[in-house]
N, C-alpha and C. Protein backbone atom coordinates (compact mmCIF):
# COMPACT_ATOMS: atom_id res chain seq x y z
N UNK A 1 0.74 -0.93 0.08
CA UNK A 1 0.12 0.13 0.02
C UNK A 1 0.79 1.38 0.09
N UNK A 2 0.56 2.11 -0.88
CA UNK A 2 0.98 3.59 -0.90
C UNK A 2 0.74 4.66 0.20
N UNK A 3 1.77 5.18 0.92
CA UNK A 3 1.60 6.20 1.72
C UNK A 3 1.27 7.48 0.79
N UNK A 4 0.16 8.03 1.06
CA UNK A 4 0.20 9.38 0.26
C UNK A 4 0.81 10.27 0.80
N UNK A 5 1.38 10.60 1.81
CA UNK A 5 2.38 11.51 2.45
C UNK A 5 3.64 11.32 1.47
N UNK A 6 4.02 10.12 0.81
CA UNK A 6 4.78 9.60 -0.30
C UNK A 6 4.44 10.54 -1.59
N UNK A 7 3.33 10.97 -1.69
CA UNK A 7 2.88 11.40 -3.07
C UNK A 7 2.82 12.72 -3.59
N UNK A 8 3.03 13.15 -4.59
CA UNK A 8 2.88 14.39 -4.92
C UNK A 8 1.80 14.56 -6.06
N UNK A 9 1.42 15.63 -6.33
CA UNK A 9 0.66 15.92 -7.52
C UNK A 9 1.49 17.18 -8.06
N UNK A 10 1.64 16.99 -9.77
CA UNK A 10 2.35 17.76 -10.13
C UNK A 10 1.89 17.94 -11.61
N UNK A 11 2.24 18.83 -12.30
CA UNK A 11 1.91 19.12 -13.80
C UNK A 11 2.40 17.89 -14.67
N UNK A 12 1.66 17.16 -15.38
CA UNK A 12 2.10 16.19 -16.53
C UNK A 12 3.29 16.81 -17.09
N UNK A 13 3.96 15.73 -17.72
CA UNK A 13 5.11 15.87 -18.72
C UNK A 13 5.14 14.90 -19.72
N UNK A 14 5.78 15.03 -20.59
CA UNK A 14 5.42 14.51 -21.97
C UNK A 14 5.97 12.69 -21.58
N UNK A 15 6.51 12.28 -20.75
CA UNK A 15 6.98 11.35 -20.20
C UNK A 15 6.00 10.45 -19.42
N UNK A 16 5.21 11.09 -18.90
CA UNK A 16 3.91 10.77 -18.39
C UNK A 16 3.21 10.08 -19.11
N UNK A 17 2.71 10.44 -20.49
CA UNK A 17 1.42 10.19 -21.08
C UNK A 17 1.21 8.77 -21.35
N UNK A 18 2.27 7.86 -21.74
CA UNK A 18 1.94 6.47 -21.77
C UNK A 18 1.08 5.85 -20.61
N UNK A 19 1.75 6.49 -19.31
CA UNK A 19 0.88 5.95 -18.32
C UNK A 19 -0.56 6.67 -18.11
N UNK A 20 -0.68 8.00 -18.69
CA UNK A 20 -1.85 8.87 -18.40
C UNK A 20 -3.03 7.91 -19.32
N UNK A 21 -2.47 7.61 -20.44
CA UNK A 21 -3.49 6.93 -21.42
C UNK A 21 -3.94 5.36 -20.55
N UNK A 22 -2.74 4.79 -19.96
CA UNK A 22 -3.11 3.20 -19.72
C UNK A 22 -4.23 3.68 -18.40
N UNK A 23 -4.04 4.68 -17.42
CA UNK A 23 -4.93 4.94 -16.51
C UNK A 23 -6.11 5.17 -16.92
N UNK A 24 -6.44 6.32 -18.15
CA UNK A 24 -7.66 6.91 -18.55
C UNK A 24 -8.49 5.66 -19.12
N UNK A 25 -7.74 4.87 -20.03
CA UNK A 25 -8.09 3.72 -20.76
C UNK A 25 -9.06 2.66 -19.83
N UNK A 26 -8.76 2.66 -18.90
CA UNK A 26 -8.90 1.70 -17.71
C UNK A 26 -10.43 2.12 -17.21
N UNK A 27 -10.30 3.55 -16.85
CA UNK A 27 -11.53 3.85 -16.59
C UNK A 27 -12.50 4.11 -17.68
N UNK A 28 -12.49 4.16 -19.07
CA UNK A 28 -13.20 3.85 -20.02
C UNK A 28 -13.90 2.49 -20.21
N UNK A 29 -12.77 1.56 -20.23
CA UNK A 29 -13.11 0.19 -20.23
C UNK A 29 -14.07 -0.03 -19.08
N UNK A 30 -13.90 0.14 -18.09
CA UNK A 30 -14.77 0.09 -16.86
C UNK A 30 -16.22 0.34 -17.46
N UNK A 31 -16.56 1.29 -18.05
CA UNK A 31 -17.80 1.88 -18.22
C UNK A 31 -18.56 2.26 -17.20
N UNK A 32 -18.30 2.83 -16.61
CA UNK A 32 -18.82 3.02 -15.37
C UNK A 32 -18.86 4.84 -14.74
N UNK A 33 -17.93 5.51 -15.29
CA UNK A 33 -17.58 6.39 -14.96
C UNK A 33 -17.36 7.56 -15.90
N UNK A 34 -16.68 7.20 -17.15
CA UNK A 34 -16.35 8.36 -17.98
C UNK A 34 -17.59 8.09 -19.19
N UNK A 35 -17.94 9.16 -19.82
CA UNK A 35 -18.80 8.96 -21.14
C UNK A 35 -18.22 8.68 -22.27
N UNK A 36 -16.78 8.87 -22.60
CA UNK A 36 -16.06 8.30 -23.45
C UNK A 36 -16.10 6.65 -23.51
N UNK A 37 -16.49 6.23 -24.82
CA UNK A 37 -16.51 5.06 -25.14
C UNK A 37 -15.04 4.50 -26.18
N UNK A 38 -14.44 5.47 -26.83
CA UNK A 38 -13.13 5.08 -27.38
C UNK A 38 -11.95 5.16 -26.61
N UNK A 39 -11.02 4.09 -26.79
CA UNK A 39 -10.01 4.24 -25.92
C UNK A 39 -9.02 5.22 -26.56
N UNK A 40 -8.24 5.62 -25.78
CA UNK A 40 -6.89 6.53 -26.62
C UNK A 40 -6.03 5.68 -26.95
N UNK A 41 -5.19 5.72 -27.95
CA UNK A 41 -3.65 5.47 -28.05
C UNK A 41 -2.81 6.53 -27.62
N UNK A 42 -1.62 6.17 -27.62
CA UNK A 42 -0.72 6.97 -27.00
C UNK A 42 -0.52 8.54 -27.97
N UNK A 43 -0.56 8.50 -29.36
CA UNK A 43 -0.74 9.37 -29.90
C UNK A 43 -1.65 10.53 -29.76
N UNK A 44 -3.39 9.85 -29.81
CA UNK A 44 -4.55 10.46 -29.33
C UNK A 44 -4.47 11.30 -28.05
N UNK A 45 -3.58 10.09 -27.25
CA UNK A 45 -3.67 10.66 -25.61
C UNK A 45 -2.79 12.10 -25.62
N UNK A 46 -1.44 12.09 -26.14
CA UNK A 46 -0.67 13.26 -26.30
C UNK A 46 -1.60 14.53 -26.55
N UNK A 47 -2.23 14.66 -27.73
CA UNK A 47 -3.34 15.77 -28.38
C UNK A 47 -4.19 15.92 -27.32
N UNK A 48 -4.72 14.88 -26.78
CA UNK A 48 -6.06 15.11 -25.79
C UNK A 48 -5.41 15.67 -24.36
N UNK A 49 -4.43 15.26 -24.00
CA UNK A 49 -3.94 16.06 -22.63
C UNK A 49 -3.24 17.28 -23.34
N UNK A 50 -2.43 17.95 -24.09
CA UNK A 50 -2.25 18.90 -24.31
C UNK A 50 -3.51 19.90 -24.66
N UNK A 51 -4.27 19.51 -25.39
CA UNK A 51 -5.37 20.47 -25.36
C UNK A 51 -6.08 20.80 -24.17
N UNK A 52 -5.94 19.99 -22.84
CA UNK A 52 -6.63 20.61 -21.86
C UNK A 52 -5.68 22.04 -21.09
N UNK A 53 -6.75 22.90 -20.48
CA UNK A 53 -6.08 23.88 -19.86
C UNK A 53 -4.75 23.44 -18.87
N UNK A 54 -5.20 22.48 -18.34
CA UNK A 54 -4.08 21.57 -17.31
C UNK A 54 -4.22 20.60 -17.02
N UNK A 55 -3.18 19.69 -16.91
CA UNK A 55 -3.23 18.36 -16.40
C UNK A 55 -2.24 18.05 -15.37
N UNK A 56 -2.42 17.20 -14.79
CA UNK A 56 -1.53 16.85 -13.56
C UNK A 56 -1.67 15.28 -13.39
N UNK A 57 -0.54 14.63 -12.32
CA UNK A 57 -0.55 13.47 -12.21
C UNK A 57 -0.19 13.50 -10.62
N UNK A 58 -0.72 12.22 -10.29
CA UNK A 58 -0.37 11.79 -8.80
C UNK A 58 0.74 10.95 -8.67
N UNK A 59 1.89 11.22 -8.40
CA UNK A 59 3.02 10.68 -8.68
C UNK A 59 3.53 10.12 -7.05
N UNK A 60 3.60 8.68 -6.88
CA UNK A 60 4.53 8.02 -5.57
C UNK A 60 6.27 8.73 -5.80
N UNK A 61 6.39 9.09 -5.04
CA UNK A 61 7.68 9.87 -4.88
C UNK A 61 9.01 8.72 -4.92
N UNK A 62 8.79 7.87 -4.11
CA UNK A 62 9.48 6.53 -3.98
C UNK A 62 9.85 5.75 -5.17
N UNK A 63 8.69 5.34 -5.71
CA UNK A 63 8.83 4.58 -6.80
C UNK A 63 8.85 5.35 -8.37
N UNK A 64 8.29 6.55 -8.44
CA UNK A 64 8.03 7.37 -9.59
C UNK A 64 7.00 6.96 -10.44
N UNK A 65 5.77 5.95 -9.75
CA UNK A 65 4.83 5.42 -10.36
C UNK A 65 3.84 6.58 -10.53
N UNK A 66 2.76 6.72 -11.71
CA UNK A 66 2.21 7.39 -11.70
C UNK A 66 1.05 6.74 -11.13
N UNK A 67 0.13 7.44 -10.35
CA UNK A 67 -1.24 6.61 -9.73
C UNK A 67 -2.41 7.21 -10.08
N UNK A 68 -2.46 8.15 -10.51
CA UNK A 68 -3.84 8.94 -10.98
C UNK A 68 -3.44 9.98 -11.81
N UNK A 69 -4.57 10.92 -12.35
CA UNK A 69 -4.58 12.32 -12.87
C UNK A 69 -5.93 12.96 -12.95
N UNK A 70 -5.49 14.07 -13.53
CA UNK A 70 -6.57 14.62 -13.93
C UNK A 70 -6.52 15.87 -14.82
N UNK A 71 -7.74 16.24 -15.46
CA UNK A 71 -7.83 17.07 -16.86
C UNK A 71 -8.59 18.28 -16.17
N UNK A 72 -8.05 19.52 -16.43
CA UNK A 72 -8.85 20.58 -16.05
C UNK A 72 -9.29 21.47 -17.38
N UNK A 73 -10.54 21.98 -18.07
CA UNK A 73 -10.55 22.78 -18.80
C UNK A 73 -12.04 23.56 -19.04
N UNK A 74 -12.34 24.51 -19.55
CA UNK A 74 -13.56 25.17 -19.51
C UNK A 74 -14.68 24.01 -19.78
N UNK A 75 -15.81 24.12 -18.99
CA UNK A 75 -17.08 23.21 -19.00
C UNK A 75 -18.04 24.06 -20.37
N UNK A 76 -17.50 25.28 -20.47
CA UNK A 76 -18.30 25.77 -21.59
C UNK A 76 -17.55 26.97 -22.72
N UNK A 77 -18.08 28.01 -23.06
CA UNK A 77 -17.30 28.49 -24.08
C UNK A 77 -17.85 30.15 -23.77
N UNK A 78 -17.29 30.97 -24.02
CA UNK A 78 -17.70 32.40 -24.17
C UNK A 78 -18.13 32.87 -22.95
N UNK A 79 -19.63 33.37 -22.88
CA UNK A 79 -19.58 34.02 -21.58
C UNK A 79 -19.89 33.08 -20.48
N UNK A 80 -19.64 31.77 -20.56
CA UNK A 80 -19.77 30.37 -19.56
C UNK A 80 -18.07 30.00 -19.47
N UNK A 81 -17.53 30.41 -20.11
CA UNK A 81 -16.39 30.10 -20.14
C UNK A 81 -15.10 30.20 -19.00
N UNK A 82 -15.69 30.73 -17.59
CA UNK A 82 -15.36 31.07 -16.62
C UNK A 82 -15.43 29.68 -15.56
N UNK A 83 -16.33 29.12 -16.09
CA UNK A 83 -16.64 27.76 -15.37
C UNK A 83 -15.64 26.66 -15.81
N UNK A 84 -15.08 25.88 -15.00
CA UNK A 84 -13.92 24.78 -15.09
C UNK A 84 -15.28 23.26 -15.44
N UNK A 85 -14.41 22.63 -15.70
CA UNK A 85 -14.72 21.25 -15.50
C UNK A 85 -13.49 20.20 -15.57
N UNK A 86 -13.84 19.16 -14.87
CA UNK A 86 -12.39 18.22 -14.22
C UNK A 86 -12.76 16.82 -14.46
N UNK A 87 -11.86 16.17 -15.05
CA UNK A 87 -12.13 14.60 -14.83
C UNK A 87 -10.96 14.19 -14.04
N UNK A 88 -11.59 13.18 -13.21
CA UNK A 88 -10.21 12.47 -12.34
C UNK A 88 -10.10 10.96 -12.72
N UNK A 89 -8.97 10.44 -12.56
CA UNK A 89 -9.12 9.09 -13.03
C UNK A 89 -7.71 8.67 -11.87
N UNK A 90 -7.95 7.42 -11.22
CA UNK A 90 -6.88 6.62 -10.50
C UNK A 90 -7.05 5.49 -10.59
N UNK A 91 -5.56 5.07 -11.02
CA UNK A 91 -5.28 3.30 -11.09
C UNK A 91 -6.20 2.66 -10.09
N UNK A 92 -6.63 1.43 -10.69
CA UNK A 92 -7.66 0.45 -9.94
C UNK A 92 -6.79 -0.19 -8.56
N UNK A 93 -5.66 -0.25 -8.88
CA UNK A 93 -4.91 -0.82 -7.66
C UNK A 93 -4.48 0.22 -6.48
N UNK A 94 -4.81 1.39 -6.89
CA UNK A 94 -4.46 2.49 -5.86
C UNK A 94 -5.61 3.39 -5.11
N UNK A 95 -6.86 2.94 -5.64
CA UNK A 95 -8.04 3.22 -5.39
C UNK A 95 -8.27 3.28 -3.73
N UNK A 96 -8.91 3.88 -3.11
CA UNK A 96 -9.27 3.79 -1.72
C UNK A 96 -7.96 4.42 -0.81
N UNK A 97 -7.14 5.21 -1.59
CA UNK A 97 -5.85 5.74 -0.60
C UNK A 97 -6.22 7.25 -0.67
N UNK A 98 -6.92 7.70 -0.68
CA UNK A 98 -7.28 9.21 -0.80
C UNK A 98 -6.60 9.91 -2.02
N UNK A 99 -6.10 9.39 -3.40
CA UNK A 99 -5.42 9.67 -4.07
C UNK A 99 -6.68 10.86 -4.59
N UNK A 100 -7.69 10.47 -5.01
CA UNK A 100 -8.64 11.15 -5.51
C UNK A 100 -8.78 12.60 -4.86
N UNK A 101 -8.98 12.66 -3.65
CA UNK A 101 -8.79 13.75 -2.85
C UNK A 101 -8.09 14.67 -3.14
N UNK A 102 -6.54 13.92 -3.11
CA UNK A 102 -5.45 15.18 -3.63
C UNK A 102 -5.63 15.51 -4.90
N UNK A 103 -6.13 14.65 -5.91
CA UNK A 103 -6.14 15.49 -7.22
C UNK A 103 -7.48 16.22 -7.24
N UNK A 104 -8.45 16.15 -6.46
CA UNK A 104 -9.38 17.36 -6.26
C UNK A 104 -9.09 18.47 -5.76
N UNK A 105 -8.46 18.50 -4.63
CA UNK A 105 -8.05 19.46 -4.05
C UNK A 105 -7.12 20.32 -4.63
N UNK A 106 -5.89 19.72 -5.67
CA UNK A 106 -5.05 20.50 -6.45
C UNK A 106 -5.83 20.97 -7.66
N UNK A 107 -6.95 20.47 -8.09
CA UNK A 107 -7.54 20.95 -9.30
C UNK A 107 -8.39 22.12 -8.67
N UNK A 108 -8.95 22.11 -7.63
CA UNK A 108 -9.39 23.37 -7.07
C UNK A 108 -8.58 24.89 -7.48
N UNK A 109 -7.21 24.13 -6.73
CA UNK A 109 -6.16 25.18 -6.96
C UNK A 109 -5.75 25.95 -8.12
N UNK A 110 -5.73 24.72 -8.83
CA UNK A 110 -5.12 25.57 -10.48
C UNK A 110 -6.51 25.71 -11.20
N UNK A 111 -7.32 25.27 -10.70
CA UNK A 111 -8.64 26.15 -11.35
C UNK A 111 -8.65 27.62 -11.17
N UNK A 112 -8.48 27.95 -9.81
CA UNK A 112 -8.65 29.21 -9.48
C UNK A 112 -7.45 29.89 -9.93
N UNK A 113 -5.97 29.29 -9.98
CA UNK A 113 -4.85 29.79 -10.51
C UNK A 113 -5.22 30.37 -12.16
N UNK A 114 -5.96 29.30 -12.83
CA UNK A 114 -5.97 29.56 -14.16
C UNK A 114 -7.48 30.53 -14.12
N UNK A 115 -7.76 31.18 -13.42
CA UNK A 115 -8.74 32.25 -13.59
C UNK A 115 -10.18 31.72 -13.60
N UNK A 116 -10.33 30.33 -13.30
CA UNK A 116 -11.86 29.80 -13.51
C UNK A 116 -12.60 30.38 -11.94
N UNK A 117 -13.72 30.67 -12.21
CA UNK A 117 -14.49 31.07 -10.92
C UNK A 117 -15.26 30.34 -10.36
N UNK A 118 -15.88 28.99 -11.00
CA UNK A 118 -16.63 28.17 -10.58
C UNK A 118 -15.86 26.69 -10.97
N UNK A 119 -16.60 25.36 -10.72
CA UNK A 119 -16.12 24.25 -10.91
C UNK A 119 -17.52 23.48 -11.11
N UNK A 120 -17.60 22.94 -12.11
CA UNK A 120 -19.14 21.99 -12.59
C UNK A 120 -18.85 20.72 -12.98
N UNK A 121 -19.52 19.66 -12.26
CA UNK A 121 -19.44 18.73 -12.63
C UNK A 121 -20.93 17.91 -13.15
N UNK A 122 -20.79 17.89 -14.66
CA UNK A 122 -22.07 17.38 -15.42
C UNK A 122 -22.53 15.86 -15.42
N UNK A 123 -21.73 15.02 -15.17
CA UNK A 123 -22.45 13.86 -15.02
C UNK A 123 -21.41 12.80 -13.72
N UNK A 124 -21.79 12.94 -12.89
CA UNK A 124 -21.12 11.98 -11.83
C UNK A 124 -22.50 11.24 -11.78
N UNK A 125 -21.91 9.68 -11.76
CA UNK A 125 -22.78 9.03 -12.10
C UNK A 125 -23.07 8.19 -10.40
N UNK A 126 -24.63 8.09 -10.57
CA UNK A 126 -25.14 7.78 -9.39
C UNK A 126 -24.43 6.69 -8.46
N UNK A 127 -24.13 5.74 -9.00
CA UNK A 127 -23.02 4.33 -8.64
C UNK A 127 -21.79 4.80 -8.02
N UNK A 128 -21.34 5.84 -8.42
CA UNK A 128 -19.85 6.35 -8.23
C UNK A 128 -19.87 7.02 -6.80
N UNK A 129 -20.36 6.26 -5.77
CA UNK A 129 -20.84 6.53 -4.25
C UNK A 129 -19.31 7.29 -3.76
N UNK A 130 -18.40 7.07 -4.15
CA UNK A 130 -16.86 7.31 -3.29
C UNK A 130 -16.64 8.54 -3.89
N UNK A 131 -16.72 9.08 -5.00
CA UNK A 131 -16.85 10.50 -5.81
C UNK A 131 -17.75 11.13 -5.12
N UNK A 132 -18.97 10.81 -5.42
CA UNK A 132 -19.93 11.68 -4.70
C UNK A 132 -20.11 12.11 -3.20
N UNK A 133 -19.26 11.21 -2.42
CA UNK A 133 -19.35 11.65 -1.00
C UNK A 133 -17.61 12.38 -1.08
N UNK A 134 -17.13 12.21 -1.75
CA UNK A 134 -15.82 13.04 -1.53
C UNK A 134 -16.31 14.85 -2.13
N UNK A 135 -16.93 14.63 -3.32
CA UNK A 135 -17.48 16.17 -3.44
C UNK A 135 -18.25 16.72 -2.38
N UNK A 136 -19.12 16.18 -2.02
CA UNK A 136 -20.16 16.58 -0.73
C UNK A 136 -19.14 16.93 0.05
N UNK A 137 -18.05 16.21 0.62
CA UNK A 137 -17.67 16.42 1.87
C UNK A 137 -16.31 17.89 1.64
N UNK A 138 -16.05 17.96 0.59
CA UNK A 138 -15.17 18.88 -0.05
C UNK A 138 -16.01 20.23 -0.14
N UNK A 139 -17.30 20.30 -0.19
CA UNK A 139 -18.09 21.43 -0.13
C UNK A 139 -18.69 21.56 -1.60
N UNK A 140 -18.64 20.58 -2.30
CA UNK A 140 -19.79 20.89 -3.84
C UNK A 140 -20.88 20.73 -3.33
N UNK A 141 -21.66 21.49 -4.10
CA UNK A 141 -23.19 21.58 -3.82
C UNK A 141 -24.08 20.90 -5.16
N UNK A 142 -24.62 19.79 -4.63
CA UNK A 142 -25.37 19.06 -5.81
C UNK A 142 -26.75 20.09 -6.20
N UNK A 143 -26.58 19.87 -7.48
CA UNK A 143 -27.56 20.60 -8.49
C UNK A 143 -28.99 19.96 -8.68
N UNK A 144 -28.64 18.76 -9.01
CA UNK A 144 -29.54 18.01 -9.23
C UNK A 144 -29.27 16.38 -9.76
N UNK A 145 -30.34 15.90 -10.25
CA UNK A 145 -30.06 14.72 -10.78
C UNK A 145 -31.08 14.46 -12.24
N UNK A 146 -30.04 13.95 -13.29
CA UNK A 146 -30.97 13.44 -14.55
C UNK A 146 -31.15 12.30 -14.60
N UNK A 147 -32.26 11.62 -14.66
CA UNK A 147 -32.63 10.24 -14.32
C UNK A 147 -32.14 9.43 -15.56
N UNK A 148 -31.56 8.17 -15.53
CA UNK A 148 -30.87 7.77 -16.32
C UNK A 148 -29.83 8.20 -17.89
N UNK A 149 -29.14 9.27 -17.03
CA UNK A 149 -28.46 10.14 -18.09
C UNK A 149 -27.12 9.42 -18.72
N UNK A 150 -26.65 8.13 -17.90
CA UNK A 150 -25.55 7.75 -18.06
C UNK A 150 -25.88 6.11 -18.47
N UNK A 151 -25.36 5.69 -19.79
CA UNK A 151 -25.25 4.28 -20.37
C UNK A 151 -24.18 3.61 -19.96
N UNK A 152 -24.66 2.84 -18.94
CA UNK A 152 -23.33 1.60 -18.66
C UNK A 152 -22.69 0.82 -19.57
N UNK A 153 -22.05 0.16 -19.50
CA UNK A 153 -21.05 -0.66 -20.35
C UNK A 153 -21.99 -1.73 -20.53
N UNK A 154 -22.82 -2.30 -19.54
CA UNK A 154 -23.68 -3.25 -19.89
C UNK A 154 -25.02 -3.15 -20.50
N UNK A 155 -25.06 -1.82 -20.87
CA UNK A 155 -26.17 -1.56 -21.70
C UNK A 155 -27.36 -0.64 -20.81
N UNK A 156 -27.29 -0.77 -19.39
CA UNK A 156 -28.37 -0.43 -18.68
C UNK A 156 -27.76 0.98 -18.22
N UNK A 157 -29.09 1.77 -17.38
CA UNK A 157 -28.64 3.26 -17.23
C UNK A 157 -28.73 3.50 -15.99
N UNK A 158 -28.24 4.25 -15.34
CA UNK A 158 -27.70 5.08 -14.10
C UNK A 158 -28.14 6.50 -14.19
N UNK A 159 -28.63 6.96 -13.30
CA UNK A 159 -28.77 8.37 -13.03
C UNK A 159 -27.84 9.38 -13.01
N UNK A 160 -27.57 10.39 -13.17
CA UNK A 160 -26.16 11.12 -13.24
C UNK A 160 -26.50 12.74 -12.26
N UNK A 161 -25.40 13.00 -11.51
CA UNK A 161 -25.87 14.11 -10.43
C UNK A 161 -24.62 15.14 -11.18
N UNK A 162 -25.62 16.37 -11.09
CA UNK A 162 -24.37 17.51 -11.16
C UNK A 162 -24.04 18.34 -10.06
N UNK A 163 -22.81 18.53 -10.03
CA UNK A 163 -22.36 19.09 -8.76
C UNK A 163 -21.55 20.58 -9.30
N UNK A 164 -21.38 21.68 -8.29
CA UNK A 164 -20.46 22.74 -8.87
C UNK A 164 -20.01 23.35 -7.24
N UNK A 165 -18.84 24.08 -7.51
CA UNK A 165 -18.33 24.56 -6.19
C UNK A 165 -17.52 26.03 -6.90
N UNK A 166 -17.95 26.93 -5.87
CA UNK A 166 -17.20 28.31 -6.37
C UNK A 166 -15.41 28.19 -5.74
N UNK A 167 -15.15 28.58 -6.79
CA UNK A 167 -13.46 28.70 -6.73
C UNK A 167 -12.78 30.04 -5.92
C-alpha cells in the first residue's frame, strides 16, 4: 500500500503520457464513470492531454509510479467560459488511498490559478458513491439528478448528478 504522504500532485510531462493513457483507458473500459467509449492511443492521448487547460498526475515519489491524473478545462465557452470542468482517474490498484482527494484539491487550486470562478461536474454517475461523497465532503453543491443520464457498459442506465463549487 502506498503512503499518500509519499505522493505528490504535479503538472504532467511528456514522459507521463503513456501511463496516463493506460489509467484513462482503464476508466473508459470499466464503463461506469467516463462518457467516452473510445480508448486513447498514445498519439491521441498526447493531443488530448495537450489540449486541456491543465493536466496533473499523482506520483509516488519513492517509486516514481503514476497513480492517477486529472484534466482541467472550460466547461463551456464565451460567457460561460469562467466555469471549469475536471475529470479524475485513479489506477484501480491505487483506489481507496485518498489519491482522488489530493487530485480534487489540487484541481481546485489550479482552477483558481487559471482564472476560473466555478467548477461544475456535469455527469457524476449515481453508483460512483465514493466520488459523490468526496465532492460533498469538500463542499461541492449538488444541483440535481438526471434520471437514466448515463449508459453503463452493460447497456443499462444509471442516474447522473450535477455538482458545482465556487473557486
